[in-house]
Amino acid sequence: MKIKKSDETRNRILEAALTIFRERGFERATMREIATAAEVAVGAAYYYFESKDAIVMAFYERSQGEMSDRIEAGLDRCKTLETRLSTIISTKFECFAPNRKLLGALSAHVDPEHPLSPFSEETAAIRKVDIGFFSRAVEESEVKLPASIKPYLPRLLWMYQMGLILFWVYDRSENQSKTKVLYEKSLKMLLITLKVAGVPLLRPLHRLAAELLETVYGKA
């Protein structure tokens, strides 16, 4: 299919920006520098992206679009919660690998008030789709948890994933080997915890956990 000239120009600006962000960092890059690298006028760069933040949002959206089909296809093949969670998280690592340095720079913007934060209102639509993958993994794996806790599980799993990604972007071990160990060990611990979480003897903890989750997230 033939790509429209406007789409081609927009993609060229986006790619030029990502290259500069990787090489010089997000904060140091300028729109003029991006326009020069993309071989367009500064005004044209601003026509397609009103700011560097808008470029990063386009990167987030494109990344999610590229990952979504792979994750959905992987979930179609999986039979257990472990393989479903592995599919989601491993796909994230693979797709984000070329931009690991950029994610490290952007990790400074974790405050929900910042538009580029993964917890902000501006990224809510992306976050909702992402949590949806974990919802599917939980439902199709028929995880047995108290009704007061289970609705929160997809969001908790999403937070678990975010913690892994944050560790990964700052992991200086060779080939991020420490992240691999953390991922494998913590996933096994998580699965064991979920298996024993439904035990009746833990009902007092269920109540406390439900109250805590409602405090943090509101009613499920």
N, C-alpha and C. Protein backbone atom coordinates (compact mmCIF):
# COMPACT_ATOMS: atom_id res chain seq x y z
N MET A 1 0.84 -1.19 0.00
CA MET A 1 0.00 0.00 0.00
C MET A 1 0.88 1.25 0.00
N LYS A 2 0.53 2.21 -0.83
CA LYS A 2 1.33 3.43 -0.96
C LYS A 2 1.14 4.32 0.26
N ILE A 3 2.25 4.81 0.82
CA ILE A 3 2.20 5.67 1.99
C ILE A 3 2.02 7.11 1.56
N LYS A 4 1.09 7.82 2.19
CA LYS A 4 0.88 9.23 1.87
C LYS A 4 2.13 10.03 2.20
N LYS A 5 2.36 11.09 1.42
CA LYS A 5 3.53 11.93 1.65
C LYS A 5 3.52 12.51 3.06
N SER A 6 2.32 12.88 3.55
CA SER A 6 2.24 13.44 4.90
C SER A 6 2.63 12.41 5.95
N ASP A 7 2.21 11.16 5.75
CA ASP A 7 2.57 10.10 6.69
C ASP A 7 4.06 9.82 6.63
N GLU A 8 4.61 9.87 5.42
CA GLU A 8 6.05 9.62 5.26
C GLU A 8 6.85 10.71 5.96
N THR A 9 6.41 11.95 5.82
CA THR A 9 7.10 13.07 6.47
C THR A 9 7.01 12.94 7.99
N ARG A 10 5.84 12.62 8.48
CA ARG A 10 5.64 12.46 9.92
C ARG A 10 6.53 11.35 10.47
N ASN A 11 6.58 10.23 9.76
CA ASN A 11 7.42 9.11 10.19
C ASN A 11 8.89 9.48 10.17
N ARG A 12 9.29 10.28 9.17
CA ARG A 12 10.69 10.69 9.07
C ARG A 12 11.07 11.58 10.25
N ILE A 13 10.17 12.48 10.63
CA ILE A 13 10.43 13.34 11.78
C ILE A 13 10.51 12.50 13.06
N LEU A 14 9.59 11.56 13.20
CA LEU A 14 9.58 10.71 14.38
C LEU A 14 10.86 9.90 14.48
N GLU A 15 11.30 9.30 13.39
CA GLU A 15 12.52 8.50 13.41
C GLU A 15 13.74 9.36 13.70
N ALA A 16 13.79 10.55 13.11
CA ALA A 16 14.92 11.45 13.37
C ALA A 16 14.96 11.84 14.85
N ALA A 17 13.79 12.11 15.41
CA ALA A 17 13.72 12.49 16.81
C ALA A 17 14.18 11.35 17.72
N LEU A 18 13.73 10.14 17.44
CA LEU A 18 14.10 9.00 18.28
C LEU A 18 15.61 8.76 18.22
N THR A 19 16.19 8.93 17.04
CA THR A 19 17.64 8.76 16.91
C THR A 19 18.38 9.79 17.75
N ILE A 20 17.92 11.04 17.70
CA ILE A 20 18.56 12.10 18.48
C ILE A 20 18.35 11.87 19.97
N PHE A 21 17.15 11.46 20.36
CA PHE A 21 16.88 11.19 21.77
C PHE A 21 17.82 10.10 22.29
N ARG A 22 18.05 9.06 21.46
CA ARG A 22 18.94 7.97 21.89
C ARG A 22 20.38 8.46 22.02
N GLU A 23 20.80 9.32 21.10
CA GLU A 23 22.20 9.75 21.06
C GLU A 23 22.51 10.88 22.04
N ARG A 24 21.61 11.83 22.16
CA ARG A 24 21.87 13.03 22.97
C ARG A 24 21.02 13.14 24.22
N GLY A 25 20.00 12.30 24.30
CA GLY A 25 19.10 12.39 25.44
C GLY A 25 17.90 13.25 25.10
N PHE A 26 16.81 13.02 25.79
CA PHE A 26 15.56 13.73 25.51
C PHE A 26 15.66 15.21 25.86
N GLU A 27 16.20 15.52 27.03
CA GLU A 27 16.23 16.90 27.50
C GLU A 27 17.09 17.80 26.62
N ARG A 28 18.20 17.31 26.13
CA ARG A 28 19.14 18.14 25.36
C ARG A 28 18.70 18.36 23.92
N ALA A 29 17.87 17.47 23.40
CA ALA A 29 17.44 17.59 22.00
C ALA A 29 16.53 18.81 21.81
N THR A 30 16.57 19.39 20.61
CA THR A 30 15.70 20.52 20.29
C THR A 30 14.88 20.21 19.04
N MET A 31 13.76 20.88 18.90
CA MET A 31 12.93 20.69 17.72
C MET A 31 13.66 21.13 16.46
N ARG A 32 14.48 22.17 16.56
CA ARG A 32 15.26 22.62 15.39
C ARG A 32 16.23 21.52 14.95
N GLU A 33 16.88 20.89 15.91
CA GLU A 33 17.81 19.81 15.62
C GLU A 33 17.09 18.64 14.97
N ILE A 34 15.91 18.34 15.47
CA ILE A 34 15.11 17.24 14.92
C ILE A 34 14.70 17.56 13.48
N ALA A 35 14.26 18.80 13.25
CA ALA A 35 13.86 19.20 11.90
C ALA A 35 15.02 19.10 10.93
N THR A 36 16.19 19.52 11.35
CA THR A 36 17.37 19.44 10.48
C THR A 36 17.68 17.99 10.13
N ALA A 37 17.64 17.12 11.12
CA ALA A 37 17.95 15.71 10.87
C ALA A 37 16.91 15.07 9.96
N ALA A 38 15.66 15.52 10.04
CA ALA A 38 14.59 14.96 9.21
C ALA A 38 14.51 15.63 7.85
N GLU A 39 15.34 16.67 7.66
CA GLU A 39 15.38 17.44 6.40
C GLU A 39 14.03 18.09 6.10
N VAL A 40 13.48 18.72 7.13
CA VAL A 40 12.24 19.49 6.96
C VAL A 40 12.44 20.84 7.66
N ALA A 41 11.58 21.79 7.32
CA ALA A 41 11.63 23.09 7.97
C ALA A 41 11.17 22.94 9.43
N VAL A 42 11.63 23.84 10.29
CA VAL A 42 11.23 23.79 11.69
C VAL A 42 9.71 23.90 11.81
N GLY A 43 9.12 24.76 10.98
CA GLY A 43 7.68 24.92 11.00
C GLY A 43 6.96 23.63 10.67
N ALA A 44 7.54 22.85 9.74
CA ALA A 44 6.94 21.57 9.37
C ALA A 44 7.00 20.58 10.54
N ALA A 45 8.12 20.62 11.26
CA ALA A 45 8.25 19.73 12.42
C ALA A 45 7.17 20.05 13.45
N TYR A 46 6.95 21.34 13.68
CA TYR A 46 5.92 21.74 14.63
C TYR A 46 4.51 21.49 14.11
N TYR A 47 4.36 21.45 12.80
CA TYR A 47 3.05 21.14 12.21
C TYR A 47 2.63 19.71 12.56
N TYR A 48 3.58 18.80 12.50
CA TYR A 48 3.27 17.39 12.78
C TYR A 48 3.32 17.07 14.27
N PHE A 49 4.21 17.74 14.99
CA PHE A 49 4.35 17.50 16.44
C PHE A 49 4.52 18.84 17.13
N GLU A 50 3.60 19.17 18.00
CA GLU A 50 3.64 20.49 18.62
C GLU A 50 4.76 20.64 19.64
N SER A 51 5.37 19.52 20.04
CA SER A 51 6.45 19.57 21.03
C SER A 51 7.18 18.24 21.05
N LYS A 52 8.28 18.20 21.80
CA LYS A 52 8.99 16.93 21.99
C LYS A 52 8.11 15.93 22.74
N ASP A 53 7.31 16.43 23.65
CA ASP A 53 6.39 15.55 24.38
C ASP A 53 5.45 14.84 23.41
N ALA A 54 4.97 15.56 22.41
CA ALA A 54 4.06 14.97 21.41
C ALA A 54 4.76 13.88 20.62
N ILE A 55 6.05 14.07 20.36
CA ILE A 55 6.82 13.04 19.65
C ILE A 55 6.91 11.78 20.50
N VAL A 56 7.18 11.96 21.79
CA VAL A 56 7.27 10.80 22.68
C VAL A 56 5.93 10.08 22.79
N MET A 57 4.84 10.84 22.84
CA MET A 57 3.52 10.21 22.87
C MET A 57 3.29 9.39 21.61
N ALA A 58 3.73 9.91 20.47
CA ALA A 58 3.61 9.16 19.21
C ALA A 58 4.44 7.88 19.28
N PHE A 59 5.60 7.96 19.91
CA PHE A 59 6.45 6.78 20.11
C PHE A 59 5.74 5.75 20.98
N TYR A 60 5.13 6.21 22.08
CA TYR A 60 4.38 5.30 22.95
C TYR A 60 3.27 4.60 22.16
N GLU A 61 2.51 5.39 21.42
CA GLU A 61 1.36 4.85 20.69
C GLU A 61 1.81 3.87 19.60
N ARG A 62 2.87 4.23 18.89
CA ARG A 62 3.36 3.33 17.85
C ARG A 62 3.90 2.04 18.45
N SER A 63 4.61 2.15 19.56
CA SER A 63 5.16 0.96 20.21
C SER A 63 4.05 0.03 20.65
N GLN A 64 3.00 0.61 21.23
CA GLN A 64 1.89 -0.23 21.66
C GLN A 64 1.21 -0.90 20.47
N GLY A 65 1.05 -0.16 19.38
CA GLY A 65 0.45 -0.74 18.18
C GLY A 65 1.26 -1.91 17.65
N GLU A 66 2.59 -1.77 17.67
CA GLU A 66 3.47 -2.84 17.18
C GLU A 66 3.44 -4.05 18.10
N MET A 67 3.30 -3.80 19.40
CA MET A 67 3.31 -4.90 20.36
C MET A 67 1.98 -5.63 20.47
N SER A 68 0.90 -4.90 20.26
CA SER A 68 -0.43 -5.45 20.53
C SER A 68 -0.71 -6.73 19.77
N ASP A 69 -0.44 -6.72 18.47
CA ASP A 69 -0.71 -7.92 17.66
C ASP A 69 0.12 -9.11 18.14
N ARG A 70 1.39 -8.83 18.48
CA ARG A 70 2.26 -9.91 18.95
C ARG A 70 1.77 -10.47 20.29
N ILE A 71 1.37 -9.58 21.18
CA ILE A 71 0.88 -10.03 22.48
C ILE A 71 -0.42 -10.81 22.33
N GLU A 72 -1.35 -10.30 21.53
CA GLU A 72 -2.63 -10.99 21.34
C GLU A 72 -2.40 -12.37 20.72
N ALA A 73 -1.51 -12.46 19.73
CA ALA A 73 -1.22 -13.75 19.11
C ALA A 73 -0.59 -14.70 20.12
N GLY A 74 0.29 -14.17 20.96
CA GLY A 74 0.92 -15.00 21.99
C GLY A 74 -0.10 -15.50 23.00
N LEU A 75 -1.01 -14.64 23.41
CA LEU A 75 -2.04 -15.04 24.36
C LEU A 75 -2.96 -16.10 23.77
N ASP A 76 -3.19 -16.03 22.47
CA ASP A 76 -4.01 -17.05 21.80
C ASP A 76 -3.38 -18.43 21.92
N ARG A 77 -2.05 -18.48 21.93
CA ARG A 77 -1.34 -19.77 21.95
C ARG A 77 -1.14 -20.30 23.37
N CYS A 78 -1.14 -19.42 24.36
CA CYS A 78 -0.78 -19.81 25.72
C CYS A 78 -1.89 -20.57 26.44
N LYS A 79 -1.48 -21.41 27.38
CA LYS A 79 -2.44 -22.24 28.14
C LYS A 79 -2.41 -21.98 29.63
N THR A 80 -1.36 -21.34 30.14
CA THR A 80 -1.23 -21.14 31.58
C THR A 80 -0.99 -19.66 31.89
N LEU A 81 -1.21 -19.29 33.15
CA LEU A 81 -0.94 -17.91 33.55
C LEU A 81 0.53 -17.58 33.39
N GLU A 82 1.40 -18.52 33.73
CA GLU A 82 2.84 -18.27 33.61
C GLU A 82 3.23 -17.94 32.18
N THR A 83 2.77 -18.74 31.22
CA THR A 83 3.14 -18.48 29.82
C THR A 83 2.48 -17.21 29.30
N ARG A 84 1.30 -16.90 29.79
CA ARG A 84 0.62 -15.68 29.35
C ARG A 84 1.36 -14.44 29.86
N LEU A 85 1.74 -14.45 31.13
CA LEU A 85 2.49 -13.32 31.67
C LEU A 85 3.85 -13.20 31.01
N SER A 86 4.49 -14.33 30.76
CA SER A 86 5.80 -14.32 30.09
C SER A 86 5.69 -13.73 28.69
N THR A 87 4.61 -14.06 27.99
CA THR A 87 4.40 -13.53 26.65
C THR A 87 4.28 -12.01 26.67
N ILE A 88 3.48 -11.49 27.59
CA ILE A 88 3.28 -10.04 27.67
C ILE A 88 4.59 -9.32 27.99
N ILE A 89 5.26 -9.77 29.05
CA ILE A 89 6.44 -9.07 29.53
C ILE A 89 7.63 -9.25 28.60
N SER A 90 7.83 -10.45 28.08
CA SER A 90 8.96 -10.69 27.17
C SER A 90 8.81 -9.87 25.89
N THR A 91 7.58 -9.75 25.40
CA THR A 91 7.34 -8.94 24.20
C THR A 91 7.71 -7.49 24.46
N LYS A 92 7.40 -6.99 25.66
CA LYS A 92 7.76 -5.61 26.01
C LYS A 92 9.28 -5.42 25.97
N PHE A 93 10.00 -6.33 26.59
CA PHE A 93 11.45 -6.22 26.61
C PHE A 93 12.02 -6.24 25.19
N GLU A 94 11.53 -7.14 24.36
CA GLU A 94 12.05 -7.27 23.00
C GLU A 94 11.77 -6.02 22.16
N CYS A 95 10.56 -5.49 22.27
CA CYS A 95 10.18 -4.34 21.46
C CYS A 95 10.82 -3.04 21.94
N PHE A 96 11.03 -2.93 23.24
CA PHE A 96 11.63 -1.72 23.79
C PHE A 96 13.16 -1.73 23.74
N ALA A 97 13.76 -2.89 23.47
CA ALA A 97 15.22 -3.01 23.53
C ALA A 97 15.96 -1.93 22.74
N PRO A 98 15.57 -1.62 21.49
CA PRO A 98 16.30 -0.59 20.74
C PRO A 98 16.21 0.80 21.38
N ASN A 99 15.22 1.01 22.23
CA ASN A 99 15.01 2.32 22.84
C ASN A 99 15.19 2.29 24.35
N ARG A 100 15.99 1.34 24.83
CA ARG A 100 16.20 1.21 26.27
C ARG A 100 16.79 2.49 26.86
N LYS A 101 17.75 3.09 26.18
CA LYS A 101 18.38 4.32 26.67
C LYS A 101 17.37 5.46 26.73
N LEU A 102 16.52 5.54 25.73
CA LEU A 102 15.48 6.57 25.72
C LEU A 102 14.51 6.37 26.88
N LEU A 103 14.10 5.13 27.13
CA LEU A 103 13.20 4.86 28.25
C LEU A 103 13.85 5.25 29.58
N GLY A 104 15.17 5.06 29.64
CA GLY A 104 15.88 5.46 30.85
C GLY A 104 15.79 6.96 31.07
N ALA A 105 15.93 7.73 29.99
CA ALA A 105 15.82 9.19 30.10
C ALA A 105 14.41 9.61 30.48
N LEU A 106 13.43 8.92 29.91
CA LEU A 106 12.03 9.27 30.17
C LEU A 106 11.57 8.83 31.55
N SER A 107 12.29 7.89 32.16
CA SER A 107 11.88 7.38 33.47
C SER A 107 11.96 8.46 34.55
N ALA A 108 12.63 9.57 34.23
CA ALA A 108 12.68 10.68 35.19
C ALA A 108 11.30 11.33 35.34
N HIS A 109 10.43 11.09 34.35
CA HIS A 109 9.11 11.71 34.37
C HIS A 109 8.05 10.72 34.90
N VAL A 110 8.21 10.29 36.14
CA VAL A 110 7.25 9.33 36.71
C VAL A 110 6.11 10.02 37.45
N ASP A 111 6.26 11.29 37.74
CA ASP A 111 5.21 12.04 38.43
C ASP A 111 3.94 12.01 37.59
N PRO A 112 2.81 11.53 38.14
CA PRO A 112 1.56 11.46 37.37
C PRO A 112 1.12 12.80 36.80
N GLU A 113 1.66 13.91 37.33
CA GLU A 113 1.31 15.23 36.81
C GLU A 113 2.03 15.52 35.50
N HIS A 114 3.09 14.77 35.21
CA HIS A 114 3.83 14.99 33.95
C HIS A 114 3.14 14.21 32.84
N PRO A 115 2.90 14.84 31.69
CA PRO A 115 2.15 14.16 30.61
C PRO A 115 2.81 12.89 30.08
N LEU A 116 4.13 12.77 30.22
CA LEU A 116 4.82 11.59 29.70
C LEU A 116 4.90 10.45 30.71
N SER A 117 4.42 10.70 31.91
CA SER A 117 4.43 9.65 32.93
C SER A 117 3.49 8.51 32.53
N PRO A 118 3.89 7.26 32.77
CA PRO A 118 2.99 6.14 32.49
C PRO A 118 1.76 6.14 33.40
N PHE A 119 1.74 7.04 34.40
CA PHE A 119 0.62 7.12 35.33
C PHE A 119 -0.24 8.36 35.11
N SER A 120 0.03 9.13 34.05
CA SER A 120 -0.67 10.39 33.83
C SER A 120 -2.01 10.21 33.13
N GLU A 121 -2.80 11.28 33.14
CA GLU A 121 -4.07 11.28 32.42
C GLU A 121 -3.83 11.16 30.92
N GLU A 122 -2.75 11.79 30.45
CA GLU A 122 -2.46 11.79 29.01
C GLU A 122 -2.14 10.40 28.48
N THR A 123 -1.60 9.54 29.32
CA THR A 123 -1.26 8.18 28.88
C THR A 123 -2.31 7.16 29.31
N ALA A 124 -3.45 7.62 29.79
CA ALA A 124 -4.49 6.73 30.32
C ALA A 124 -4.98 5.70 29.30
N ALA A 125 -5.15 6.14 28.05
CA ALA A 125 -5.65 5.21 27.01
C ALA A 125 -4.65 4.10 26.74
N ILE A 126 -3.37 4.45 26.71
CA ILE A 126 -2.33 3.45 26.50
C ILE A 126 -2.29 2.49 27.69
N ARG A 127 -2.39 3.04 28.87
CA ARG A 127 -2.36 2.23 30.10
C ARG A 127 -3.54 1.26 30.14
N LYS A 128 -4.71 1.74 29.72
CA LYS A 128 -5.92 0.90 29.74
C LYS A 128 -5.76 -0.32 28.83
N VAL A 129 -5.21 -0.10 27.64
CA VAL A 129 -4.99 -1.22 26.71
C VAL A 129 -4.00 -2.21 27.32
N ASP A 130 -2.94 -1.67 27.91
CA ASP A 130 -1.90 -2.51 28.51
C ASP A 130 -2.46 -3.36 29.64
N ILE A 131 -3.23 -2.75 30.52
CA ILE A 131 -3.84 -3.49 31.63
C ILE A 131 -4.82 -4.53 31.08
N GLY A 132 -5.42 -4.23 29.94
CA GLY A 132 -6.34 -5.17 29.31
C GLY A 132 -5.67 -6.50 28.96
N PHE A 133 -4.40 -6.47 28.59
CA PHE A 133 -3.68 -7.71 28.30
C PHE A 133 -3.60 -8.57 29.56
N PHE A 134 -3.33 -7.92 30.70
CA PHE A 134 -3.25 -8.66 31.95
C PHE A 134 -4.63 -9.16 32.39
N SER A 135 -5.66 -8.38 32.09
CA SER A 135 -7.02 -8.83 32.40
C SER A 135 -7.34 -10.10 31.64
N ARG A 136 -6.97 -10.12 30.37
CA ARG A 136 -7.21 -11.32 29.56
C ARG A 136 -6.43 -12.50 30.11
N ALA A 137 -5.18 -12.28 30.49
CA ALA A 137 -4.35 -13.36 31.03
C ALA A 137 -4.97 -13.94 32.30
N VAL A 138 -5.48 -13.07 33.16
CA VAL A 138 -6.09 -13.51 34.42
C VAL A 138 -7.38 -14.29 34.16
N GLU A 139 -8.24 -13.74 33.31
CA GLU A 139 -9.53 -14.39 33.05
C GLU A 139 -9.37 -15.72 32.35
N GLU A 140 -8.52 -15.78 31.35
CA GLU A 140 -8.37 -17.02 30.59
C GLU A 140 -7.61 -18.08 31.37
N SER A 141 -6.88 -17.67 32.39
CA SER A 141 -6.16 -18.63 33.23
C SER A 141 -7.01 -19.07 34.41
N GLU A 142 -8.19 -18.47 34.54
CA GLU A 142 -9.14 -18.81 35.61
C GLU A 142 -8.47 -18.74 36.99
N VAL A 143 -7.80 -17.64 37.23
CA VAL A 143 -7.15 -17.43 38.53
C VAL A 143 -8.21 -17.37 39.62
N LYS A 144 -8.02 -18.12 40.68
CA LYS A 144 -8.98 -18.19 41.77
C LYS A 144 -8.51 -17.30 42.92
N LEU A 145 -9.20 -16.19 43.08
CA LEU A 145 -8.92 -15.25 44.15
C LEU A 145 -10.25 -14.76 44.72
N PRO A 146 -10.25 -14.28 45.96
CA PRO A 146 -11.48 -13.72 46.52
C PRO A 146 -12.03 -12.60 45.62
N ALA A 147 -13.34 -12.50 45.54
CA ALA A 147 -13.98 -11.50 44.67
C ALA A 147 -13.59 -10.08 45.05
N SER A 148 -13.19 -9.88 46.29
CA SER A 148 -12.81 -8.54 46.75
C SER A 148 -11.42 -8.14 46.27
N ILE A 149 -10.64 -9.11 45.82
CA ILE A 149 -9.25 -8.86 45.42
C ILE A 149 -9.03 -9.04 43.92
N LYS A 150 -9.64 -10.04 43.34
CA LYS A 150 -9.37 -10.40 41.95
C LYS A 150 -9.49 -9.24 40.95
N PRO A 151 -10.48 -8.35 41.09
CA PRO A 151 -10.58 -7.24 40.11
C PRO A 151 -9.36 -6.34 40.06
N TYR A 152 -8.58 -6.32 41.15
CA TYR A 152 -7.40 -5.47 41.20
C TYR A 152 -6.17 -6.13 40.59
N LEU A 153 -6.23 -7.44 40.39
CA LEU A 153 -5.04 -8.18 39.97
C LEU A 153 -4.42 -7.68 38.66
N PRO A 154 -5.20 -7.40 37.61
CA PRO A 154 -4.57 -6.90 36.38
C PRO A 154 -3.75 -5.64 36.59
N ARG A 155 -4.26 -4.72 37.43
CA ARG A 155 -3.50 -3.49 37.69
C ARG A 155 -2.24 -3.77 38.49
N LEU A 156 -2.32 -4.72 39.41
CA LEU A 156 -1.13 -5.09 40.19
C LEU A 156 -0.09 -5.75 39.30
N LEU A 157 -0.54 -6.58 38.37
CA LEU A 157 0.39 -7.22 37.44
C LEU A 157 1.03 -6.18 36.52
N TRP A 158 0.25 -5.18 36.13
CA TRP A 158 0.79 -4.10 35.31
C TRP A 158 1.88 -3.35 36.07
N MET A 159 1.63 -3.10 37.37
CA MET A 159 2.63 -2.43 38.20
C MET A 159 3.88 -3.29 38.35
N TYR A 160 3.69 -4.59 38.48
CA TYR A 160 4.82 -5.53 38.55
C TYR A 160 5.66 -5.40 37.29
N GLN A 161 5.01 -5.38 36.13
CA GLN A 161 5.71 -5.22 34.85
C GLN A 161 6.48 -3.90 34.81
N MET A 162 5.85 -2.82 35.27
CA MET A 162 6.52 -1.52 35.25
C MET A 162 7.77 -1.53 36.11
N GLY A 163 7.71 -2.22 37.25
CA GLY A 163 8.88 -2.34 38.11
C GLY A 163 10.02 -3.06 37.41
N LEU A 164 9.69 -4.13 36.70
CA LEU A 164 10.70 -4.87 35.95
C LEU A 164 11.34 -4.00 34.87
N ILE A 165 10.51 -3.26 34.14
CA ILE A 165 11.03 -2.42 33.07
C ILE A 165 11.93 -1.32 33.63
N LEU A 166 11.53 -0.73 34.76
CA LEU A 166 12.35 0.31 35.38
C LEU A 166 13.70 -0.25 35.81
N PHE A 167 13.70 -1.44 36.41
CA PHE A 167 14.96 -2.08 36.80
C PHE A 167 15.82 -2.33 35.56
N TRP A 168 15.19 -2.78 34.50
CA TRP A 168 15.88 -3.12 33.25
C TRP A 168 16.57 -1.92 32.62
N VAL A 169 15.91 -0.77 32.60
CA VAL A 169 16.52 0.39 31.93
C VAL A 169 17.75 0.88 32.68
N TYR A 170 17.85 0.58 33.98
CA TYR A 170 19.02 1.00 34.75
C TYR A 170 20.00 -0.15 35.03
N ASP A 171 19.71 -1.32 34.51
CA ASP A 171 20.55 -2.50 34.74
C ASP A 171 21.84 -2.39 33.93
N ARG A 172 22.97 -2.27 34.61
CA ARG A 172 24.26 -2.13 33.94
C ARG A 172 25.00 -3.46 33.82
N SER A 173 24.39 -4.55 34.25
CA SER A 173 25.06 -5.85 34.12
C SER A 173 25.10 -6.25 32.64
N GLU A 174 26.02 -7.11 32.29
CA GLU A 174 26.20 -7.50 30.89
C GLU A 174 24.91 -8.13 30.34
N ASN A 175 24.45 -7.56 29.22
CA ASN A 175 23.20 -8.02 28.59
C ASN A 175 22.02 -8.01 29.56
N GLN A 176 22.09 -7.13 30.54
CA GLN A 176 21.04 -6.99 31.55
C GLN A 176 20.70 -8.34 32.19
N SER A 177 21.76 -9.09 32.54
CA SER A 177 21.58 -10.43 33.10
C SER A 177 20.87 -10.40 34.46
N LYS A 178 21.08 -9.33 35.23
CA LYS A 178 20.41 -9.24 36.53
C LYS A 178 18.90 -9.13 36.35
N THR A 179 18.48 -8.42 35.31
CA THR A 179 17.04 -8.31 35.04
C THR A 179 16.46 -9.68 34.73
N LYS A 180 17.19 -10.47 33.97
CA LYS A 180 16.71 -11.81 33.63
C LYS A 180 16.48 -12.65 34.88
N VAL A 181 17.44 -12.59 35.81
CA VAL A 181 17.30 -13.35 37.06
C VAL A 181 16.13 -12.82 37.87
N LEU A 182 16.03 -11.49 37.99
CA LEU A 182 14.93 -10.88 38.73
C LEU A 182 13.59 -11.29 38.14
N TYR A 183 13.49 -11.24 36.84
CA TYR A 183 12.26 -11.58 36.13
C TYR A 183 11.86 -13.03 36.39
N GLU A 184 12.79 -13.96 36.18
CA GLU A 184 12.49 -15.38 36.33
C GLU A 184 12.12 -15.73 37.77
N LYS A 185 12.90 -15.25 38.74
CA LYS A 185 12.66 -15.59 40.15
C LYS A 185 11.38 -14.93 40.67
N SER A 186 11.20 -13.65 40.35
CA SER A 186 10.04 -12.95 40.87
C SER A 186 8.74 -13.47 40.27
N LEU A 187 8.79 -13.90 39.00
CA LEU A 187 7.59 -14.46 38.38
C LEU A 187 7.19 -15.75 39.06
N LYS A 188 8.16 -16.60 39.39
CA LYS A 188 7.85 -17.85 40.09
C LYS A 188 7.27 -17.57 41.47
N MET A 189 7.85 -16.59 42.16
CA MET A 189 7.33 -16.21 43.48
C MET A 189 5.91 -15.67 43.38
N LEU A 190 5.66 -14.89 42.35
CA LEU A 190 4.33 -14.34 42.13
C LEU A 190 3.30 -15.43 41.89
N LEU A 191 3.66 -16.40 41.07
CA LEU A 191 2.74 -17.49 40.75
C LEU A 191 2.44 -18.35 41.98
N ILE A 192 3.46 -18.58 42.81
CA ILE A 192 3.24 -19.34 44.05
C ILE A 192 2.31 -18.57 44.98
N THR A 193 2.52 -17.27 45.08
CA THR A 193 1.68 -16.43 45.94
C THR A 193 0.22 -16.49 45.49
N LEU A 194 -0.01 -16.45 44.19
CA LEU A 194 -1.38 -16.49 43.67
C LEU A 194 -2.04 -17.85 43.94
N LYS A 195 -1.23 -18.91 43.91
CA LYS A 195 -1.78 -20.25 44.15
C LYS A 195 -2.27 -20.41 45.58
N VAL A 196 -1.54 -19.83 46.53
CA VAL A 196 -1.91 -20.00 47.94
C VAL A 196 -2.84 -18.89 48.43
N ALA A 197 -3.03 -17.87 47.60
CA ALA A 197 -3.81 -16.70 48.05
C ALA A 197 -5.27 -17.03 48.35
N GLY A 198 -5.80 -18.08 47.71
CA GLY A 198 -7.20 -18.42 47.91
C GLY A 198 -7.47 -19.33 49.09
N VAL A 199 -6.44 -19.69 49.82
CA VAL A 199 -6.60 -20.59 50.98
C VAL A 199 -7.50 -19.93 52.04
N PRO A 200 -8.53 -20.64 52.52
CA PRO A 200 -9.46 -20.05 53.50
C PRO A 200 -8.79 -19.49 54.75
N LEU A 201 -7.68 -20.11 55.19
CA LEU A 201 -7.00 -19.63 56.39
C LEU A 201 -6.51 -18.19 56.24
N LEU A 202 -6.39 -17.74 55.01
CA LEU A 202 -5.87 -16.39 54.76
C LEU A 202 -6.97 -15.34 54.67
N ARG A 203 -8.20 -15.70 55.03
CA ARG A 203 -9.31 -14.75 54.91
C ARG A 203 -9.08 -13.43 55.65
N PRO A 204 -8.49 -13.43 56.85
CA PRO A 204 -8.21 -12.13 57.50
C PRO A 204 -7.29 -11.25 56.65
N LEU A 205 -6.33 -11.88 55.97
CA LEU A 205 -5.44 -11.13 55.09
C LEU A 205 -6.19 -10.65 53.85
N HIS A 206 -7.15 -11.46 53.39
CA HIS A 206 -7.94 -11.06 52.22
C HIS A 206 -8.65 -9.74 52.51
N ARG A 207 -9.24 -9.66 53.71
CA ARG A 207 -9.99 -8.45 54.07
C ARG A 207 -9.06 -7.25 54.13
N LEU A 208 -7.91 -7.41 54.76
CA LEU A 208 -6.97 -6.31 54.86
C LEU A 208 -6.45 -5.89 53.48
N ALA A 209 -6.16 -6.91 52.64
CA ALA A 209 -5.67 -6.61 51.30
C ALA A 209 -6.72 -5.87 50.49
N ALA A 210 -7.96 -6.29 50.61
CA ALA A 210 -9.05 -5.63 49.87
C ALA A 210 -9.22 -4.18 50.32
N GLU A 211 -9.12 -3.94 51.62
CA GLU A 211 -9.24 -2.57 52.14
C GLU A 211 -8.09 -1.71 51.64
N LEU A 212 -6.90 -2.28 51.63
CA LEU A 212 -5.73 -1.54 51.16
C LEU A 212 -5.85 -1.20 49.68
N LEU A 213 -6.26 -2.18 48.87
CA LEU A 213 -6.39 -1.96 47.44
C LEU A 213 -7.47 -0.93 47.12
N GLU A 214 -8.55 -0.97 47.89
CA GLU A 214 -9.61 0.01 47.65
C GLU A 214 -9.12 1.42 48.01
N THR A 215 -8.29 1.52 49.05
CA THR A 215 -7.71 2.81 49.43
C THR A 215 -6.84 3.37 48.32
N VAL A 216 -6.04 2.48 47.72
CA VAL A 216 -5.11 2.91 46.67
C VAL A 216 -5.80 3.19 45.36
N TYR A 217 -6.67 2.26 44.93
CA TYR A 217 -7.26 2.33 43.59
C TYR A 217 -8.73 2.77 43.56
N GLY A 218 -9.38 2.83 44.70
CA GLY A 218 -10.81 3.08 44.70
C GLY A 218 -11.54 1.78 44.50
N LYS A 219 -12.86 1.83 44.45
CA LYS A 219 -13.65 0.61 44.27
C LYS A 219 -13.38 0.00 42.91
N ALA A 220 -13.26 -1.34 42.87
CA ALA A 220 -12.96 -2.04 41.62
C ALA A 220 -14.19 -2.02 40.70
